[in-house]
C-alpha cells in the first residue's frame, strides 16, 4: 500500500512539473508576439520612417525601413541576436573535446570580451542618455564604434566630442568613433 502512495505522489509531482514547464515555455512567447504586433502597429501609424543598415554573419548588408524609436529597438534586437549566436558558437567550441587547454582559454577570453563589450555598450547608452538625449544606440565592432543619438536639440560639436571621449574612456581599443544624430519628433 505504501508503494502505491509513493508512486501516485511521484506521478502527481512529475505531471505538475510538466504542466508548469509548458506554461513557462509558452507564456513568454505569447507576450513577445503581442509586443511584435504592437511594434508593427506603431510602424504602420508613424509616417516618419528611418532606413537602417546592419550586417549579418555572412557579411551581407540588411536594410530595413522602420519608424524612429522602433528602429533603435530593432537594431538592439539584431545586435543581441548576433551576439547570442556568436556566444553559442563559442560555447560549442568550448565544449568540444578537440581543443587543447590553450585553445579553450582563448575561446573563453573571446566569450569574456564579447560580454564586456555588451556591458560597455549598455553603460555608454545609459550615460549618454543622462546627457539629455531621448535615445542612444552604441554599436561596437572591434576598433570601430558608432553612436547614434536621437535628440530634439540641435547637434553640437562639443556634445559629439564629449560622447567620443566617454566612448574612448570606456572602450580602450577603439580607433574610430562616429557620432550620428537623428532628429527626435
C-alpha atoms as a PDB file:
ATOM      1  CA  UNK A   1       0.000   0.000   0.000  1.00  0.00           C
ATOM      2  CA  UNK A   2       2.854   2.368   0.812  1.00  0.00           C
ATOM      3  CA  UNK A   3       4.479   1.836  -2.564  1.00  0.00           C
ATOM      4  CA  UNK A   4       1.301   2.800  -4.391  1.00  0.00           C
ATOM      5  CA  UNK A   5       1.009   6.064  -2.435  1.00  0.00           C
ATOM      6  CA  UNK A   6       4.601   6.958  -3.295  1.00  0.00           C
ATOM      7  CA  UNK A   7       4.022   6.156  -6.953  1.00  0.00           C
ATOM      8  CA  UNK A   8       0.884   8.292  -7.088  1.00  0.00           C
ATOM      9  CA  UNK A   9       2.709  11.125  -5.324  1.00  0.00           C
ATOM     10  CA  UNK A  10       5.659  10.882  -7.721  1.00  0.00           C
ATOM     11  CA  UNK A  11       3.428  10.875 -10.790  1.00  0.00           C
ATOM     12  CA  UNK A  12       1.481  13.845  -9.438  1.00  0.00           C
ATOM     13  CA  UNK A  13       4.667  15.838  -8.888  1.00  0.00           C
ATOM     14  CA  UNK A  14       6.048  14.935 -12.314  1.00  0.00           C
ATOM     15  CA  UNK A  15       2.825  15.971 -14.018  1.00  0.00           C
ATOM     16  CA  UNK A  16       2.864  19.235 -12.082  1.00  0.00           C
ATOM     17  CA  UNK A  17       6.433  19.903 -13.244  1.00  0.00           C
ATOM     18  CA  UNK A  18       5.476  19.160 -16.838  1.00  0.00           C
ATOM     19  CA  UNK A  19       2.448  21.459 -16.709  1.00  0.00           C
ATOM     20  CA  UNK A  20       4.456  24.299 -15.174  1.00  0.00           C
ATOM     21  CA  UNK A  21       7.249  23.822 -17.720  1.00  0.00           C
ATOM     22  CA  UNK A  22       4.820  24.006 -20.615  1.00  0.00           C
ATOM     23  CA  UNK A  23       3.228  27.108 -19.103  1.00  0.00           C
ATOM     24  CA  UNK A  24       6.622  28.745 -18.594  1.00  0.00           C
ATOM     25  CA  UNK A  25       7.794  27.968 -22.114  1.00  0.00           C
ATOM     26  CA  UNK A  26       4.638  29.164 -23.865  1.00  0.00           C
ATOM     27  CA  UNK A  27       3.875  32.218 -21.728  1.00  0.00           C
ATOM     28  CA  UNK A  28       6.830  34.495 -22.722  1.00  0.00           C
ATOM     29  CA  UNK A  29       6.377  33.683 -26.413  1.00  0.00           C
ATOM     30  CA  UNK A  30       2.813  34.915 -26.326  1.00  0.00           C
ATOM     31  CA  UNK A  31       3.913  38.190 -24.751  1.00  0.00           C
ATOM     32  CA  UNK A  32       6.665  38.699 -27.307  1.00  0.00           C
ATOM     33  CA  UNK A  33       4.222  38.048 -30.153  1.00  0.00           C
ATOM     34  CA  UNK A  34       1.914  40.681 -28.710  1.00  0.00           C
ATOM     35  CA  UNK A  35       4.859  43.076 -28.484  1.00  0.00           C
ATOM     36  CA  UNK A  36       5.709  42.441 -32.130  1.00  0.00           C
ATOM     37  CA  UNK A  37       2.121  43.213 -33.095  1.00  0.00           C
ATOM     38  CA  UNK A  38       2.230  46.468 -31.119  1.00  0.00           C
ATOM     39  CA  UNK A  39       5.511  47.444 -32.763  1.00  0.00           C
ATOM     40  CA  UNK A  40       4.050  46.675 -36.186  1.00  0.00           C
ATOM     41  CA  UNK A  41       1.052  48.912 -35.454  1.00  0.00           C
ATOM     42  CA  UNK A  42       3.372  51.708 -34.317  1.00  0.00           C
ATOM     43  CA  UNK A  43       5.385  51.323 -37.511  1.00  0.00           C
ATOM     44  CA  UNK A  44       2.244  51.476 -39.634  1.00  0.00           C
ATOM     45  CA  UNK A  45       0.922  54.562 -37.832  1.00  0.00           C
ATOM     46  CA  UNK A  46       4.153  56.549 -37.832  1.00  0.00           C
ATOM     47  CA  UNK A  47       4.834  58.290 -41.126  1.00  0.00           C
ATOM     48  CA  UNK A  48       8.435  59.418 -40.422  1.00  0.00           C
ATOM     49  CA  UNK A  49      10.477  56.403 -41.481  1.00  0.00           C
ATOM     50  CA  UNK A  50      14.168  55.765 -40.942  1.00  0.00           C
ATOM     51  CA  UNK A  51      16.339  53.486 -43.019  1.00  0.00           C
ATOM     52  CA  UNK A  52      18.785  51.364 -41.041  1.00  0.00           C
ATOM     53  CA  UNK A  53      21.565  49.077 -42.200  1.00  0.00           C
ATOM     54  CA  UNK A  54      23.193  46.189 -40.362  1.00  0.00           C
ATOM     55  CA  UNK A  55      25.486  43.375 -41.406  1.00  0.00           C
ATOM     56  CA  UNK A  56      24.702  39.756 -40.665  1.00  0.00           C
ATOM     57  CA  UNK A  57      27.201  36.947 -40.027  1.00  0.00           C
ATOM     58  CA  UNK A  58      27.705  36.220 -43.731  1.00  0.00           C
ATOM     59  CA  UNK A  59      28.733  39.845 -44.364  1.00  0.00           C
ATOM     60  CA  UNK A  60      25.570  40.756 -46.254  1.00  0.00           C
ATOM     61  CA  UNK A  61      24.043  44.150 -45.555  1.00  0.00           C
ATOM     62  CA  UNK A  62      20.475  44.038 -44.282  1.00  0.00           C
ATOM     63  CA  UNK A  63      18.495  47.223 -44.965  1.00  0.00           C
ATOM     64  CA  UNK A  64      15.266  47.881 -43.137  1.00  0.00           C
ATOM     65  CA  UNK A  65      12.922  50.832 -43.014  1.00  0.00           C
ATOM     66  CA  UNK A  66      11.091  51.322 -39.727  1.00  0.00           C
ATOM     67  CA  UNK A  67       9.751  54.093 -37.521  1.00  0.00           C
ATOM     68  CA  UNK A  68      12.100  56.123 -35.306  1.00  0.00           C
ATOM     69  CA  UNK A  69      12.000  54.534 -31.828  1.00  0.00           C
ATOM     70  CA  UNK A  70      11.263  51.128 -33.263  1.00  0.00           C
ATOM     71  CA  UNK A  71      14.408  51.393 -35.400  1.00  0.00           C
ATOM     72  CA  UNK A  72      16.580  51.638 -32.299  1.00  0.00           C
ATOM     73  CA  UNK A  73      14.864  48.684 -30.678  1.00  0.00           C
ATOM     74  CA  UNK A  74      15.100  46.622 -33.842  1.00  0.00           C
ATOM     75  CA  UNK A  75      18.818  47.303 -34.148  1.00  0.00           C
ATOM     76  CA  UNK A  76      19.313  46.413 -30.486  1.00  0.00           C
ATOM     77  CA  UNK A  77      17.486  43.128 -31.022  1.00  0.00           C
ATOM     78  CA  UNK A  78      19.577  42.321 -34.113  1.00  0.00           C
ATOM     79  CA  UNK A  79      22.787  43.058 -32.224  1.00  0.00           C
ATOM     80  CA  UNK A  80      21.588  40.886 -29.367  1.00  0.00           C
ATOM     81  CA  UNK A  81      20.755  38.066 -31.776  1.00  0.00           C
ATOM     82  CA  UNK A  82      24.152  38.269 -33.464  1.00  0.00           C
ATOM     83  CA  UNK A  83      25.895  38.260 -30.086  1.00  0.00           C
ATOM     84  CA  UNK A  84      23.883  35.322 -28.813  1.00  0.00           C
ATOM     85  CA  UNK A  85      24.702  33.361 -31.987  1.00  0.00           C
ATOM     86  CA  UNK A  86      28.390  34.149 -31.507  1.00  0.00           C
ATOM     87  CA  UNK A  87      28.106  33.199 -27.822  1.00  0.00           C
ATOM     88  CA  UNK A  88      26.500  29.859 -28.745  1.00  0.00           C
ATOM     89  CA  UNK A  89      29.217  29.217 -31.306  1.00  0.00           C
ATOM     90  CA  UNK A  90      31.939  29.921 -28.739  1.00  0.00           C
ATOM     91  CA  UNK A  91      30.166  27.778 -26.142  1.00  0.00           C
ATOM     92  CA  UNK A  92      30.018  24.840 -28.526  1.00  0.00           C
ATOM     93  CA  UNK A  93      33.716  25.308 -29.290  1.00  0.00           C
ATOM     94  CA  UNK A  94      34.460  25.372 -25.579  1.00  0.00           C
ATOM     95  CA  UNK A  95      32.506  22.155 -25.064  1.00  0.00           C
ATOM     96  CA  UNK A  96      34.449  20.451 -27.851  1.00  0.00           C
ATOM     97  CA  UNK A  97      36.941  17.811 -26.766  1.00  0.00           C
ATOM     98  CA  UNK A  98      39.169  18.509 -29.787  1.00  0.00           C
ATOM     99  CA  UNK A  99      40.580  21.756 -28.379  1.00  0.00           C
ATOM    100  CA  UNK A 100      43.745  21.972 -26.332  1.00  0.00           C
ATOM    101  CA  UNK A 101      43.601  23.757 -22.969  1.00  0.00           C
ATOM    102  CA  UNK A 102      45.368  26.767 -24.524  1.00  0.00           C
ATOM    103  CA  UNK A 103      42.780  26.998 -27.326  1.00  0.00           C
ATOM    104  CA  UNK A 104      39.953  26.650 -24.783  1.00  0.00           C
ATOM    105  CA  UNK A 105      41.473  29.521 -22.834  1.00  0.00           C
ATOM    106  CA  UNK A 106      41.455  31.694 -25.963  1.00  0.00           C
ATOM    107  CA  UNK A 107      37.796  30.811 -26.638  1.00  0.00           C
ATOM    108  CA  UNK A 108      36.925  31.692 -23.029  1.00  0.00           C
ATOM    109  CA  UNK A 109      38.730  35.024 -23.442  1.00  0.00           C
ATOM    110  CA  UNK A 110      36.664  35.723 -26.573  1.00  0.00           C
ATOM    111  CA  UNK A 111      33.473  34.978 -24.645  1.00  0.00           C
ATOM    112  CA  UNK A 112      34.536  37.296 -21.837  1.00  0.00           C
ATOM    113  CA  UNK A 113      35.404  40.055 -24.311  1.00  0.00           C
ATOM    114  CA  UNK A 114      32.025  39.679 -26.027  1.00  0.00           C
ATOM    115  CA  UNK A 115      30.245  40.075 -22.681  1.00  0.00           C
ATOM    116  CA  UNK A 116      32.452  43.016 -21.737  1.00  0.00           C
ATOM    117  CA  UNK A 117      31.679  44.849 -24.998  1.00  0.00           C
ATOM    118  CA  UNK A 118      27.940  44.329 -24.484  1.00  0.00           C
ATOM    119  CA  UNK A 119      28.166  45.697 -20.932  1.00  0.00           C
ATOM    120  CA  UNK A 120      30.227  48.671 -22.103  1.00  0.00           C
ATOM    121  CA  UNK A 121      27.658  49.476 -24.778  1.00  0.00           C
ATOM    122  CA  UNK A 122      24.825  49.403 -22.238  1.00  0.00           C
ATOM    123  CA  UNK A 123      26.791  51.562 -19.810  1.00  0.00           C
ATOM    124  CA  UNK A 124      27.584  54.105 -22.520  1.00  0.00           C
ATOM    125  CA  UNK A 125      23.966  54.204 -23.672  1.00  0.00           C
ATOM    126  CA  UNK A 126      22.805  54.905 -20.130  1.00  0.00           C
ATOM    127  CA  UNK A 127      25.458  57.564 -19.565  1.00  0.00           C
ATOM    128  CA  UNK A 128      24.794  59.354 -22.848  1.00  0.00           C
ATOM    129  CA  UNK A 129      21.043  59.361 -22.159  1.00  0.00           C
ATOM    130  CA  UNK A 130      21.772  61.243 -18.929  1.00  0.00           C
ATOM    131  CA  UNK A 131      23.334  63.982 -21.072  1.00  0.00           C
ATOM    132  CA  UNK A 132      19.798  64.862 -22.203  1.00  0.00           C
ATOM    133  CA  UNK A 133      19.197  62.672 -25.226  1.00  0.00           C
ATOM    134  CA  UNK A 134      15.969  60.798 -25.884  1.00  0.00           C
ATOM    135  CA  UNK A 135      17.527  57.572 -27.098  1.00  0.00           C
ATOM    136  CA  UNK A 136      21.031  56.297 -27.798  1.00  0.00           C
ATOM    137  CA  UNK A 137      22.358  53.282 -29.652  1.00  0.00           C
ATOM    138  CA  UNK A 138      26.009  52.264 -29.259  1.00  0.00           C
ATOM    139  CA  UNK A 139      27.411  49.655 -31.651  1.00  0.00           C
ATOM    140  CA  UNK A 140      30.964  48.464 -31.043  1.00  0.00           C
ATOM    141  CA  UNK A 141      32.549  46.356 -33.756  1.00  0.00           C
ATOM    142  CA  UNK A 142      36.196  45.769 -32.924  1.00  0.00           C
ATOM    143  CA  UNK A 143      38.090  49.079 -33.089  1.00  0.00           C
ATOM    144  CA  UNK A 144      35.089  50.852 -34.655  1.00  0.00           C
ATOM    145  CA  UNK A 145      32.289  52.310 -32.507  1.00  0.00           C
ATOM    146  CA  UNK A 146      29.205  54.012 -33.923  1.00  0.00           C
ATOM    147  CA  UNK A 147      26.990  56.037 -31.604  1.00  0.00           C
ATOM    148  CA  UNK A 148      23.564  57.047 -32.906  1.00  0.00           C
ATOM    149  CA  UNK A 149      21.883  59.726 -30.819  1.00  0.00           C
ATOM    150  CA  UNK A 150      18.245  60.790 -31.007  1.00  0.00           C
ATOM    151  CA  UNK A 151      17.751  64.339 -29.798  1.00  0.00           C
ATOM    152  CA  UNK A 152      15.357  67.244 -30.052  1.00  0.00           C
ATOM    153  CA  UNK A 153      18.128  69.758 -29.596  1.00  0.00           C
ATOM    154  CA  UNK A 154      20.420  70.780 -32.419  1.00  0.00           C
ATOM    155  CA  UNK A 155      23.606  68.696 -32.528  1.00  0.00           C
ATOM    156  CA  UNK A 156      26.779  70.467 -31.455  1.00  0.00           C
ATOM    157  CA  UNK A 157      30.439  69.648 -31.960  1.00  0.00           C
ATOM    158  CA  UNK A 158      31.177  69.937 -28.236  1.00  0.00           C
ATOM    159  CA  UNK A 159      28.478  67.373 -27.395  1.00  0.00           C
ATOM    160  CA  UNK A 160      29.854  64.996 -30.026  1.00  0.00           C
ATOM    161  CA  UNK A 161      33.353  65.446 -28.571  1.00  0.00           C
ATOM    162  CA  UNK A 162      32.071  64.651 -25.058  1.00  0.00           C
ATOM    163  CA  UNK A 163      30.429  61.491 -26.383  1.00  0.00           C
ATOM    164  CA  UNK A 164      33.613  60.469 -28.211  1.00  0.00           C
ATOM    165  CA  UNK A 165      35.730  60.997 -25.089  1.00  0.00           C
ATOM    166  CA  UNK A 166      33.376  58.865 -22.998  1.00  0.00           C
ATOM    167  CA  UNK A 167      33.449  56.091 -25.608  1.00  0.00           C
ATOM    168  CA  UNK A 168      37.259  56.132 -25.676  1.00  0.00           C
ATOM    169  CA  UNK A 169      37.364  56.005 -21.850  1.00  0.00           C
ATOM    170  CA  UNK A 170      35.003  53.054 -21.682  1.00  0.00           C
ATOM    171  CA  UNK A 171      36.216  51.029 -24.666  1.00  0.00           C
ATOM    172  CA  UNK A 172      40.009  51.260 -24.772  1.00  0.00           C
ATOM    173  CA  UNK A 173      40.785  49.607 -28.095  1.00  0.00           C
ATOM    174  CA  UNK A 174      38.712  51.997 -30.213  1.00  0.00           C
ATOM    175  CA  UNK A 175      40.432  53.688 -33.134  1.00  0.00           C
ATOM    176  CA  UNK A 176      37.337  55.109 -34.796  1.00  0.00           C
ATOM    177  CA  UNK A 177      34.326  56.668 -33.085  1.00  0.00           C
ATOM    178  CA  UNK A 178      31.458  58.094 -35.111  1.00  0.00           C
ATOM    179  CA  UNK A 179      28.564  60.053 -33.647  1.00  0.00           C
ATOM    180  CA  UNK A 180      25.412  60.227 -35.747  1.00  0.00           C
ATOM    181  CA  UNK A 181      22.472  62.457 -34.880  1.00  0.00           C
ATOM    182  CA  UNK A 182      18.888  61.598 -35.594  1.00  0.00           C
ATOM    183  CA  UNK A 183      16.191  64.214 -35.017  1.00  0.00           C
ATOM    184  CA  UNK A 184      13.535  63.348 -32.459  1.00  0.00           C
ATOM    185  CA  UNK A 185       9.885  64.050 -33.117  1.00  0.00           C
END
